[in-house]
Protein backbone atom coordinates (compact mmCIF):
# COMPACT_ATOMS: atom_id res chain seq x y z
CA UNK A 1 -2.54 24.09 36.78
CA UNK A 2 -1.18 26.50 34.45
CA UNK A 3 -2.30 29.57 35.79
CA UNK A 4 -1.83 32.83 34.09
CA UNK A 5 1.07 35.43 35.03
CA UNK A 6 2.36 32.92 37.16
CA UNK A 7 5.60 30.96 36.77
CA UNK A 8 4.84 27.03 37.86
CA UNK A 9 7.80 24.75 39.49
CA UNK A 10 6.33 20.66 38.68
CA UNK A 11 6.96 17.84 40.75
CA UNK A 12 7.02 14.52 38.96
CA UNK A 13 5.95 11.36 39.83
CA UNK A 14 7.68 8.14 37.52
CA UNK A 15 6.42 4.88 38.49
CA UNK A 16 8.73 1.74 37.37
CA UNK A 17 6.77 -1.05 39.65
CA UNK A 18 6.92 -4.01 37.71
CA UNK A 19 9.73 -3.28 35.90
CA UNK A 20 12.74 -4.77 35.49
CA UNK A 21 15.71 -3.06 34.43
CA UNK A 22 15.15 -4.13 30.53
CA UNK A 23 11.29 -3.34 30.52
CA UNK A 24 12.12 0.75 31.53
CA UNK A 25 10.71 2.63 28.72
CA UNK A 26 13.96 4.64 28.47
CA UNK A 27 13.12 5.92 25.32
CA UNK A 28 9.65 7.48 26.29
CA UNK A 29 11.47 8.91 29.49
CA UNK A 30 13.91 10.23 27.53
CA UNK A 31 12.10 12.00 25.49
CA UNK A 32 9.16 13.60 27.83
CA UNK A 33 12.38 15.16 29.50
CA UNK A 34 13.51 16.53 26.65
CA UNK A 35 10.36 18.35 25.54
CA UNK A 36 9.76 19.53 29.39
CA UNK A 37 13.37 20.83 29.14
CA UNK A 38 13.20 22.30 25.89
CA UNK A 39 9.37 23.48 26.53
CA UNK A 40 9.63 24.49 30.52
CA UNK A 41 13.26 24.49 31.31
CA UNK A 42 13.96 25.38 34.25
CA UNK A 43 10.24 24.26 35.82
CA UNK A 44 11.17 21.32 37.55
CA UNK A 45 11.13 21.33 40.68
CA UNK A 46 11.12 17.85 42.09
CA UNK A 47 11.27 13.68 40.54
CA UNK A 48 10.33 11.40 42.10
CA UNK A 49 11.00 7.90 40.80
CA UNK A 50 8.96 5.74 42.92
CA UNK A 51 9.08 1.46 42.70
CA UNK A 52 12.45 1.79 41.04
CA UNK A 53 14.23 -1.42 40.73
CA UNK A 54 17.19 -2.07 42.89
CA UNK A 55 19.76 -1.80 39.69
CA UNK A 56 18.57 1.57 38.90
CA UNK A 57 18.99 2.65 42.63
CA UNK A 58 22.51 1.33 43.04
CA UNK A 59 23.34 2.48 39.42
CA UNK A 60 21.95 6.37 40.27
CA UNK A 61 23.91 6.07 43.65
CA UNK A 62 26.95 5.87 41.93
CA UNK A 63 25.93 8.49 39.07
CA UNK A 64 25.03 10.91 41.61
CA UNK A 65 28.34 11.18 42.67
CA UNK A 66 29.19 12.95 39.73
CA UNK A 67 26.57 15.38 38.96
CA UNK A 68 25.65 18.69 40.31
CA UNK A 69 24.49 18.81 43.59
CA UNK A 70 21.14 21.46 42.74
CA UNK A 71 20.24 18.10 39.89
CA UNK A 72 20.74 15.27 42.65
CA UNK A 73 18.27 17.45 45.13
CA UNK A 74 15.57 17.74 42.61
CA UNK A 75 15.86 13.45 41.96
CA UNK A 76 14.69 11.17 44.57
CA UNK A 77 15.26 7.15 44.01
CA UNK A 78 12.62 5.07 45.87
CA UNK A 79 12.45 1.56 46.00
CA UNK A 80 8.82 1.92 47.23
CA UNK A 81 5.81 2.97 46.01
CA UNK A 82 6.50 6.86 47.92
CA UNK A 83 9.72 8.80 48.94
CA UNK A 84 9.55 9.75 52.91
CA UNK A 85 9.44 13.34 51.64
CA UNK A 86 7.71 13.50 48.78
CA UNK A 87 4.73 14.83 51.26
CA UNK A 88 6.74 17.43 52.35
CA UNK A 89 6.99 18.85 48.20
CA UNK A 90 3.17 17.63 47.43
CA UNK A 91 0.18 18.14 48.85
CA UNK A 92 -1.76 14.70 49.63
CA UNK A 93 -5.07 15.49 48.32
CA UNK A 94 -2.66 15.97 44.53
CA UNK A 95 -1.25 12.64 44.96
CA UNK A 96 -3.16 9.12 43.86
CA UNK A 97 -3.25 6.36 47.03
CA UNK A 98 -1.20 3.81 45.32
CA UNK A 99 1.49 6.50 46.47
CA UNK A 100 0.15 7.35 49.86
CA UNK A 101 -2.16 10.28 48.57
CA UNK A 102 -6.05 11.46 48.79
CA UNK A 103 -6.74 10.87 44.82
CA UNK A 104 -8.54 8.05 43.82
CA UNK A 105 -6.40 6.27 41.48
CA UNK A 106 -6.16 6.67 38.22
CA UNK A 107 -7.91 3.59 35.95
CA UNK A 108 -7.68 5.74 32.26
CA UNK A 109 -6.19 8.85 30.84
CA UNK A 110 -6.62 11.76 29.03
CA UNK A 111 -3.53 10.79 25.93
CA UNK A 112 -4.96 7.46 25.38
């Protein structure tokens, strides 16, 4: 929302639905993550990766054992279109219906 004078924390939802391991746009995800980190460091509250292929889900389970627990707590990877803890952190009125929220699903985006 970018409220003047307020420090905001962000929650991001990455949808990997319909993608195999070779279809995942790693460079796009890496680029956006780097830009967010450089320009808005320390703002990530939670990242939900939904509809993750099984290979990503299981790889995360192995890799997360070696990461800082604070980082692991921020990233949730789910094989379904929503995570059971998503609405502990996000108001349903701000999430699209396809992820279990109340917002209409987007069909066009401002950056296209």
